[in-house]
Amino acid sequence: MRIALTLIVCLSVICTGCTTTGKDYDETKTHEIVVGQTTEAQLVEWFGQPESRSRSSTGDTTLMWSYHKMKFKAGMFVPILGPFIGGSNHEGKNLSVVTDTDGVVKSYSDSSNNFEQNH
């Protein structure tokens, strides 16, 4: 029984799960965005290609970058007890930029969140 418990604990530590969506980007660069000056080319250089791009009827373009990561705590993988003793850590960030018809930034918003969820 003691060997089985040790094995379960070891496997739980090894088998921590993680899931991500989007491409991670350097959020410290958002402080370098200057409305009326920064261009779309600079944004792509700093953050990579946007995850989505949409154009409004006025010709403005909205560019969006996002990244979300969820990592399960090792306790989630303990048989029977996992759902009660486990949890997860969440990290997320989003950047939305509106450019005019010349590709110059009109406005932007960025957000981030980090939290821990216990079950």
C-alpha atoms as a PDB file:
ATOM      1  CA  MET A   1       0.000   0.000   0.000  1.00  0.00           C
ATOM      2  CA  ARG A   2       2.830   2.383   0.847  1.00  0.00           C
ATOM      3  CA  ILE A   3       4.498   1.729  -2.533  1.00  0.00           C
ATOM      4  CA  ALA A   4       1.221   2.378  -4.345  1.00  0.00           C
ATOM      5  CA  LEU A   5       0.728   5.685  -2.514  1.00  0.00           C
ATOM      6  CA  THR A   6       4.309   6.751  -3.284  1.00  0.00           C
ATOM      7  CA  LEU A   7       3.783   5.849  -6.931  1.00  0.00           C
ATOM      8  CA  ILE A   8       0.553   7.870  -7.093  1.00  0.00           C
ATOM      9  CA  VAL A   9       2.215  10.919  -5.560  1.00  0.00           C
ATOM     10  CA  CYS A  10       5.196  10.691  -7.929  1.00  0.00           C
ATOM     11  CA  LEU A  11       2.962  10.321 -10.967  1.00  0.00           C
ATOM     12  CA  SER A  12       0.875  13.281  -9.828  1.00  0.00           C
ATOM     13  CA  VAL A  13       3.940  15.494  -9.663  1.00  0.00           C
ATOM     14  CA  ILE A  14       5.149  14.344 -13.086  1.00  0.00           C
ATOM     15  CA  CYS A  15       1.780  14.579 -14.812  1.00  0.00           C
ATOM     16  CA  THR A  16       0.913  18.215 -14.234  1.00  0.00           C
ATOM     17  CA  GLY A  17      -1.044  19.400 -17.227  1.00  0.00           C
ATOM     18  CA  CYS A  18      -0.898  22.641 -19.145  1.00  0.00           C
ATOM     19  CA  THR A  19      -2.930  24.146 -21.964  1.00  0.00           C
ATOM     20  CA  THR A  20      -2.306  27.336 -23.929  1.00  0.00           C
ATOM     21  CA  THR A  21      -4.070  29.301 -26.648  1.00  0.00           C
ATOM     22  CA  GLY A  22      -2.676  32.113 -28.762  1.00  0.00           C
ATOM     23  CA  LYS A  23       0.939  33.135 -29.070  1.00  0.00           C
ATOM     24  CA  ASP A  24       2.793  34.667 -26.131  1.00  0.00           C
ATOM     25  CA  TYR A  25       3.960  38.238 -26.688  1.00  0.00           C
ATOM     26  CA  ASP A  26       6.017  40.823 -24.793  1.00  0.00           C
ATOM     27  CA  GLU A  27       3.371  42.877 -22.999  1.00  0.00           C
ATOM     28  CA  THR A  28       5.986  45.400 -21.793  1.00  0.00           C
ATOM     29  CA  LYS A  29       6.092  46.695 -25.375  1.00  0.00           C
ATOM     30  CA  THR A  30       2.511  48.013 -25.028  1.00  0.00           C
ATOM     31  CA  HIS A  31       3.978  51.007 -23.175  1.00  0.00           C
ATOM     32  CA  GLU A  32       5.817  51.956 -26.378  1.00  0.00           C
ATOM     33  CA  ILE A  33       2.610  52.323 -28.410  1.00  0.00           C
ATOM     34  CA  VAL A  34       1.996  56.007 -29.187  1.00  0.00           C
ATOM     35  CA  VAL A  35      -1.400  57.009 -30.586  1.00  0.00           C
ATOM     36  CA  GLY A  36      -0.947  58.938 -33.828  1.00  0.00           C
ATOM     37  CA  GLN A  37       2.642  57.720 -34.307  1.00  0.00           C
ATOM     38  CA  THR A  38       3.049  53.954 -33.976  1.00  0.00           C
ATOM     39  CA  THR A  39       2.450  52.065 -37.234  1.00  0.00           C
ATOM     40  CA  GLU A  40       1.015  48.630 -37.946  1.00  0.00           C
ATOM     41  CA  ALA A  41       4.453  47.531 -39.177  1.00  0.00           C
ATOM     42  CA  GLN A  42       5.956  48.406 -35.788  1.00  0.00           C
ATOM     43  CA  LEU A  43       3.200  46.485 -33.990  1.00  0.00           C
ATOM     44  CA  VAL A  44       3.908  43.381 -36.083  1.00  0.00           C
ATOM     45  CA  GLU A  45       7.623  43.764 -35.360  1.00  0.00           C
ATOM     46  CA  TRP A  46       6.977  43.967 -31.600  1.00  0.00           C
ATOM     47  CA  PHE A  47       4.151  41.451 -31.160  1.00  0.00           C
ATOM     48  CA  GLY A  48       4.250  39.250 -34.265  1.00  0.00           C
ATOM     49  CA  GLN A  49       1.335  38.765 -36.648  1.00  0.00           C
ATOM     50  CA  PRO A  50      -2.022  39.507 -34.985  1.00  0.00           C
ATOM     51  CA  GLU A  51      -4.303  36.632 -34.107  1.00  0.00           C
ATOM     52  CA  SER A  52      -7.169  38.402 -35.849  1.00  0.00           C
ATOM     53  CA  ARG A  53      -7.680  41.399 -38.096  1.00  0.00           C
ATOM     54  CA  SER A  54     -10.972  43.084 -38.988  1.00  0.00           C
ATOM     55  CA  ARG A  55     -11.853  46.163 -41.015  1.00  0.00           C
ATOM     56  CA  SER A  56     -14.741  48.529 -40.224  1.00  0.00           C
ATOM     57  CA  SER A  57     -16.949  50.344 -42.715  1.00  0.00           C
ATOM     58  CA  THR A  58     -14.912  53.525 -42.071  1.00  0.00           C
ATOM     59  CA  GLY A  59     -11.702  51.797 -43.166  1.00  0.00           C
ATOM     60  CA  ASP A  60     -10.238  51.440 -39.670  1.00  0.00           C
ATOM     61  CA  THR A  61      -8.566  48.118 -38.890  1.00  0.00           C
ATOM     62  CA  THR A  62      -8.706  46.335 -35.546  1.00  0.00           C
ATOM     63  CA  LEU A  63      -5.772  44.056 -34.755  1.00  0.00           C
ATOM     64  CA  MET A  64      -5.928  41.598 -31.852  1.00  0.00           C
ATOM     65  CA  TRP A  65      -3.325  39.572 -29.991  1.00  0.00           C
ATOM     66  CA  SER A  66      -4.161  37.219 -27.132  1.00  0.00           C
ATOM     67  CA  TYR A  67      -2.473  34.585 -25.021  1.00  0.00           C
ATOM     68  CA  HIS A  68      -4.018  32.352 -22.367  1.00  0.00           C
ATOM     69  CA  LYS A  69      -2.379  29.626 -20.312  1.00  0.00           C
ATOM     70  CA  MET A  70      -3.872  27.269 -17.745  1.00  0.00           C
ATOM     71  CA  LYS A  71      -1.711  24.938 -15.709  1.00  0.00           C
ATOM     72  CA  PHE A  72      -3.280  22.220 -13.597  1.00  0.00           C
ATOM     73  CA  LYS A  73      -1.894  21.599 -10.132  1.00  0.00           C
ATOM     74  CA  ALA A  74      -0.462  18.151  -9.461  1.00  0.00           C
ATOM     75  CA  GLY A  75      -3.245  17.338  -6.996  1.00  0.00           C
ATOM     76  CA  MET A  76      -5.726  17.218  -9.893  1.00  0.00           C
ATOM     77  CA  PHE A  77      -4.254  13.878 -10.958  1.00  0.00           C
ATOM     78  CA  VAL A  78      -4.694  12.033  -7.670  1.00  0.00           C
ATOM     79  CA  PRO A  79      -7.315   9.346  -8.273  1.00  0.00           C
ATOM     80  CA  ILE A  80     -10.687   9.974  -6.623  1.00  0.00           C
ATOM     81  CA  LEU A  81      -9.439  12.972  -4.586  1.00  0.00           C
ATOM     82  CA  GLY A  82      -8.094  15.032  -7.515  1.00  0.00           C
ATOM     83  CA  PRO A  83     -11.208  17.101  -8.163  1.00  0.00           C
ATOM     84  CA  PHE A  84     -11.377  17.995  -4.473  1.00  0.00           C
ATOM     85  CA  ILE A  85      -7.729  18.811  -3.743  1.00  0.00           C
ATOM     86  CA  GLY A  86      -6.530  20.041  -7.130  1.00  0.00           C
ATOM     87  CA  GLY A  87      -6.816  23.359  -8.850  1.00  0.00           C
ATOM     88  CA  SER A  88      -5.225  25.409 -11.580  1.00  0.00           C
ATOM     89  CA  ASN A  89      -3.270  28.576 -12.276  1.00  0.00           C
ATOM     90  CA  HIS A  90      -4.505  30.894 -15.011  1.00  0.00           C
ATOM     91  CA  GLU A  91      -2.632  33.570 -16.952  1.00  0.00           C
ATOM     92  CA  GLY A  92      -4.077  35.662 -19.744  1.00  0.00           C
ATOM     93  CA  LYS A  93      -3.419  38.814 -21.724  1.00  0.00           C
ATOM     94  CA  ASN A  94      -5.130  40.599 -24.598  1.00  0.00           C
ATOM     95  CA  LEU A  95      -4.141  43.498 -26.826  1.00  0.00           C
ATOM     96  CA  SER A  96      -6.520  45.231 -29.224  1.00  0.00           C
ATOM     97  CA  VAL A  97      -5.308  48.046 -31.504  1.00  0.00           C
ATOM     98  CA  VAL A  98      -7.318  50.185 -33.915  1.00  0.00           C
ATOM     99  CA  THR A  99      -5.396  51.693 -36.842  1.00  0.00           C
ATOM    100  CA  ASP A 100      -6.600  54.265 -39.354  1.00  0.00           C
ATOM    101  CA  THR A 101      -6.585  53.882 -43.144  1.00  0.00           C
ATOM    102  CA  ASP A 102      -2.873  54.820 -43.190  1.00  0.00           C
ATOM    103  CA  GLY A 103      -1.998  52.047 -40.699  1.00  0.00           C
ATOM    104  CA  VAL A 104      -1.281  54.447 -37.809  1.00  0.00           C
ATOM    105  CA  VAL A 105      -2.590  53.659 -34.307  1.00  0.00           C
ATOM    106  CA  LYS A 106      -5.850  55.465 -33.412  1.00  0.00           C
ATOM    107  CA  SER A 107      -6.458  53.722 -30.093  1.00  0.00           C
ATOM    108  CA  TYR A 108      -5.558  50.592 -28.160  1.00  0.00           C
ATOM    109  CA  SER A 109      -6.440  48.642 -25.047  1.00  0.00           C
ATOM    110  CA  ASP A 110      -4.578  45.919 -23.224  1.00  0.00           C
ATOM    111  CA  SER A 111      -5.503  43.732 -20.297  1.00  0.00           C
ATOM    112  CA  SER A 112      -3.978  40.917 -18.313  1.00  0.00           C
ATOM    113  CA  ASN A 113      -5.059  38.617 -15.522  1.00  0.00           C
ATOM    114  CA  ASN A 114      -3.433  36.021 -13.324  1.00  0.00           C
ATOM    115  CA  PHE A 115      -5.330  33.982 -10.791  1.00  0.00           C
ATOM    116  CA  GLU A 116      -5.315  30.688  -8.953  1.00  0.00           C
ATOM    117  CA  GLN A 117      -8.350  28.477  -8.747  1.00  0.00           C
ATOM    118  CA  ASN A 118      -8.666  25.950  -5.946  1.00  0.00           C
ATOM    119  CA  HIS A 119     -11.280  23.243  -5.954  1.00  0.00           C
END
